[in-house]
């Protein structure tokens, strides 16, 4: 699975959370409070199931969740482990 496929999957999950937000244009989803704590918990669960990865406490930092790109890069890194 390449980064583009991961990004498409991440975007699909985010769109399920909030279909009214253009996530591909956002670069500070956590910092700008577009995603709240409940959204993040749901997102981590969905990402884990979709990509068969374990997102641990050390991965749970705003930098990893601020954009589709940063989430996708984290998933790609976790899939390599």
N, C-alpha and C. Protein backbone atom coordinates (compact mmCIF):
# COMPACT_ATOMS: atom_id res chain seq x y z
N UNK A 1 0.85 -1.18 0.00
CA UNK A 1 0.00 0.00 0.00
C UNK A 1 0.89 1.24 0.00
N UNK A 2 0.67 2.12 -0.96
CA UNK A 2 1.49 3.32 -1.04
C UNK A 2 0.84 4.49 -0.30
N UNK A 3 1.57 5.59 -0.22
CA UNK A 3 1.12 6.75 0.55
C UNK A 3 -0.19 7.33 0.00
N UNK A 4 -0.36 7.30 -1.31
CA UNK A 4 -1.59 7.82 -1.90
C UNK A 4 -2.81 6.99 -1.48
N UNK A 5 -2.65 5.67 -1.47
CA UNK A 5 -3.75 4.80 -1.04
C UNK A 5 -4.07 5.01 0.44
N UNK A 6 -3.02 5.18 1.24
CA UNK A 6 -3.22 5.45 2.67
C UNK A 6 -3.98 6.77 2.83
N UNK A 7 -3.55 7.80 2.09
CA UNK A 7 -4.21 9.11 2.18
C UNK A 7 -5.68 9.03 1.82
N UNK A 8 -6.01 8.25 0.79
CA UNK A 8 -7.41 8.08 0.40
C UNK A 8 -8.21 7.43 1.52
N UNK A 9 -7.63 6.43 2.17
CA UNK A 9 -8.30 5.77 3.28
C UNK A 9 -8.48 6.69 4.47
N UNK A 10 -7.45 7.46 4.78
CA UNK A 10 -7.51 8.43 5.88
C UNK A 10 -8.60 9.46 5.60
N UNK A 11 -8.63 9.97 4.38
CA UNK A 11 -9.61 10.97 4.00
C UNK A 11 -11.03 10.42 4.10
N UNK A 12 -11.22 9.18 3.70
CA UNK A 12 -12.55 8.55 3.79
C UNK A 12 -13.01 8.46 5.25
N UNK A 13 -12.10 8.09 6.13
CA UNK A 13 -12.45 8.00 7.56
C UNK A 13 -12.78 9.39 8.11
N UNK A 14 -11.98 10.38 7.77
CA UNK A 14 -12.24 11.74 8.24
C UNK A 14 -13.58 12.26 7.72
N UNK A 15 -13.90 11.96 6.47
CA UNK A 15 -15.17 12.41 5.89
C UNK A 15 -16.36 11.78 6.60
N UNK A 16 -16.19 10.55 7.09
CA UNK A 16 -17.26 9.92 7.87
C UNK A 16 -17.49 10.67 9.18
N UNK A 17 -16.41 11.20 9.76
CA UNK A 17 -16.52 11.94 11.01
C UNK A 17 -17.24 13.28 10.80
N UNK A 18 -16.83 14.00 9.75
CA UNK A 18 -17.39 15.33 9.47
C UNK A 18 -17.44 15.53 7.96
N UNK A 19 -18.57 15.24 7.36
CA UNK A 19 -18.65 15.33 5.90
C UNK A 19 -18.68 16.78 5.40
N UNK A 20 -18.84 17.74 6.30
CA UNK A 20 -18.92 19.15 5.90
C UNK A 20 -17.57 19.86 5.87
N UNK A 21 -16.49 19.15 6.21
CA UNK A 21 -15.16 19.77 6.27
C UNK A 21 -14.31 19.27 5.09
N UNK A 22 -13.60 20.19 4.45
CA UNK A 22 -12.66 19.82 3.38
C UNK A 22 -11.31 19.50 4.01
N UNK A 23 -11.15 18.27 4.45
CA UNK A 23 -9.96 17.87 5.18
C UNK A 23 -8.67 17.98 4.37
N UNK A 24 -8.76 17.79 3.05
CA UNK A 24 -7.55 17.85 2.23
C UNK A 24 -6.92 19.25 2.24
N UNK A 25 -7.70 20.26 2.60
CA UNK A 25 -7.19 21.64 2.64
C UNK A 25 -6.70 22.04 4.04
N UNK A 26 -6.96 21.22 5.03
CA UNK A 26 -6.62 21.56 6.42
C UNK A 26 -5.20 21.13 6.76
N UNK A 27 -4.49 21.99 7.49
CA UNK A 27 -3.13 21.66 7.91
C UNK A 27 -2.92 21.76 9.42
N UNK A 28 -3.97 22.16 10.13
CA UNK A 28 -3.88 22.28 11.59
C UNK A 28 -5.17 21.80 12.24
N UNK A 29 -5.55 20.57 11.92
CA UNK A 29 -6.85 20.05 12.39
C UNK A 29 -6.93 19.97 13.91
N UNK A 30 -5.82 19.66 14.56
CA UNK A 30 -5.82 19.60 16.02
C UNK A 30 -5.61 20.99 16.60
N UNK A 31 -4.60 21.69 16.10
CA UNK A 31 -4.26 23.02 16.63
C UNK A 31 -5.43 24.00 16.48
N UNK A 32 -6.18 23.90 15.39
CA UNK A 32 -7.32 24.79 15.16
C UNK A 32 -8.63 24.22 15.71
N UNK A 33 -8.54 23.10 16.42
CA UNK A 33 -9.68 22.46 17.08
C UNK A 33 -10.79 22.05 16.11
N UNK A 34 -10.39 21.68 14.90
CA UNK A 34 -11.35 21.12 13.94
C UNK A 34 -11.74 19.72 14.39
N UNK A 35 -10.75 19.01 14.93
CA UNK A 35 -11.01 17.69 15.53
C UNK A 35 -10.94 17.83 17.04
N UNK A 36 -11.99 17.38 17.73
CA UNK A 36 -11.97 17.42 19.19
C UNK A 36 -11.47 16.08 19.73
N UNK A 37 -11.42 15.94 21.04
CA UNK A 37 -10.85 14.73 21.64
C UNK A 37 -11.67 13.50 21.29
N UNK A 38 -12.97 13.62 21.23
CA UNK A 38 -13.80 12.47 20.84
C UNK A 38 -13.50 12.07 19.40
N UNK A 39 -13.37 13.05 18.51
CA UNK A 39 -13.03 12.77 17.11
C UNK A 39 -11.70 12.02 17.03
N UNK A 40 -10.73 12.44 17.82
CA UNK A 40 -9.41 11.82 17.78
C UNK A 40 -9.46 10.38 18.26
N UNK A 41 -10.20 10.11 19.31
CA UNK A 41 -10.33 8.74 19.81
C UNK A 41 -10.99 7.87 18.74
N UNK A 42 -12.05 8.38 18.14
CA UNK A 42 -12.73 7.65 17.08
C UNK A 42 -11.80 7.43 15.90
N UNK A 43 -11.07 8.46 15.52
CA UNK A 43 -10.14 8.38 14.40
C UNK A 43 -9.06 7.33 14.65
N UNK A 44 -8.48 7.33 15.83
CA UNK A 44 -7.43 6.36 16.15
C UNK A 44 -7.99 4.93 16.06
N UNK A 45 -9.18 4.72 16.56
CA UNK A 45 -9.81 3.40 16.49
C UNK A 45 -10.02 2.98 15.04
N UNK A 46 -10.60 3.88 14.26
CA UNK A 46 -10.88 3.58 12.85
C UNK A 46 -9.59 3.35 12.05
N UNK A 47 -8.58 4.16 12.29
CA UNK A 47 -7.30 3.98 11.59
C UNK A 47 -6.67 2.65 11.94
N UNK A 48 -6.73 2.29 13.21
CA UNK A 48 -6.18 1.01 13.64
C UNK A 48 -6.85 -0.16 12.95
N UNK A 49 -8.17 -0.09 12.84
CA UNK A 49 -8.92 -1.17 12.19
C UNK A 49 -8.67 -1.19 10.68
N UNK A 50 -8.70 -0.03 10.06
CA UNK A 50 -8.55 0.07 8.59
C UNK A 50 -7.17 -0.37 8.11
N UNK A 51 -6.13 0.04 8.85
CA UNK A 51 -4.76 -0.20 8.39
C UNK A 51 -4.02 -1.25 9.22
N UNK A 52 -4.70 -1.85 10.20
CA UNK A 52 -4.11 -2.88 11.04
C UNK A 52 -2.81 -2.40 11.69
N UNK A 53 -2.89 -1.23 12.34
CA UNK A 53 -1.75 -0.66 13.06
C UNK A 53 -2.17 -0.35 14.49
N UNK A 54 -1.18 -0.27 15.37
CA UNK A 54 -1.41 0.14 16.75
C UNK A 54 -0.86 1.54 16.93
N UNK A 55 -1.75 2.49 17.18
CA UNK A 55 -1.34 3.86 17.44
C UNK A 55 -1.23 3.99 18.95
N UNK A 56 -0.01 4.18 19.42
CA UNK A 56 0.26 4.20 20.86
C UNK A 56 0.29 5.63 21.38
N UNK A 57 0.45 5.74 22.68
CA UNK A 57 0.48 7.06 23.32
C UNK A 57 1.60 7.94 22.76
N UNK A 58 2.74 7.34 22.41
CA UNK A 58 3.84 8.15 21.88
C UNK A 58 3.52 8.71 20.50
N UNK A 59 2.61 8.07 19.76
CA UNK A 59 2.19 8.57 18.45
C UNK A 59 1.07 9.60 18.56
N UNK A 60 0.45 9.66 19.72
CA UNK A 60 -0.73 10.50 19.93
C UNK A 60 -0.31 11.92 20.28
N UNK A 61 0.28 12.59 19.30
CA UNK A 61 0.71 13.98 19.45
C UNK A 61 0.09 14.81 18.33
N UNK A 62 -0.19 16.08 18.57
CA UNK A 62 -0.86 16.90 17.57
C UNK A 62 -0.21 16.88 16.19
N UNK A 63 1.13 16.88 16.15
CA UNK A 63 1.83 16.91 14.86
C UNK A 63 1.43 15.74 13.95
N UNK A 64 1.07 14.61 14.55
CA UNK A 64 0.69 13.44 13.75
C UNK A 64 -0.74 13.51 13.24
N UNK A 65 -1.54 14.44 13.74
CA UNK A 65 -2.96 14.49 13.40
C UNK A 65 -3.42 15.83 12.84
N UNK A 66 -2.50 16.70 12.47
CA UNK A 66 -2.87 18.03 12.00
C UNK A 66 -3.32 18.07 10.54
N UNK A 67 -2.93 17.07 9.75
CA UNK A 67 -3.33 17.07 8.33
C UNK A 67 -3.47 15.64 7.83
N UNK A 68 -4.13 15.50 6.70
CA UNK A 68 -4.25 14.19 6.07
C UNK A 68 -2.85 13.64 5.79
N UNK A 69 -1.97 14.52 5.34
CA UNK A 69 -0.59 14.10 5.02
C UNK A 69 0.14 13.59 6.26
N UNK A 70 0.04 14.31 7.38
CA UNK A 70 0.76 13.87 8.59
C UNK A 70 0.18 12.56 9.13
N UNK A 71 -1.13 12.40 9.06
CA UNK A 71 -1.75 11.14 9.50
C UNK A 71 -1.28 10.01 8.59
N UNK A 72 -1.28 10.25 7.30
CA UNK A 72 -0.88 9.22 6.32
C UNK A 72 0.57 8.81 6.52
N UNK A 73 1.44 9.78 6.76
CA UNK A 73 2.85 9.48 6.99
C UNK A 73 3.04 8.65 8.28
N UNK A 74 2.27 8.97 9.32
CA UNK A 74 2.34 8.20 10.55
C UNK A 74 1.89 6.76 10.29
N UNK A 75 0.80 6.59 9.55
CA UNK A 75 0.29 5.24 9.25
C UNK A 75 1.34 4.47 8.45
N UNK A 76 1.91 5.10 7.44
CA UNK A 76 2.92 4.43 6.62
C UNK A 76 4.10 3.99 7.49
N UNK A 77 4.52 4.85 8.40
CA UNK A 77 5.62 4.51 9.30
C UNK A 77 5.25 3.34 10.21
N UNK A 78 4.03 3.34 10.72
CA UNK A 78 3.59 2.25 11.60
C UNK A 78 3.42 0.94 10.85
N UNK A 79 3.05 1.01 9.58
CA UNK A 79 2.89 -0.20 8.79
C UNK A 79 4.23 -0.85 8.48
N UNK A 80 5.30 -0.07 8.48
CA UNK A 80 6.64 -0.61 8.22
C UNK A 80 7.19 -1.38 9.39
N UNK A 81 6.69 -1.12 10.58
CA UNK A 81 7.23 -1.74 11.80
C UNK A 81 6.83 -3.20 11.89
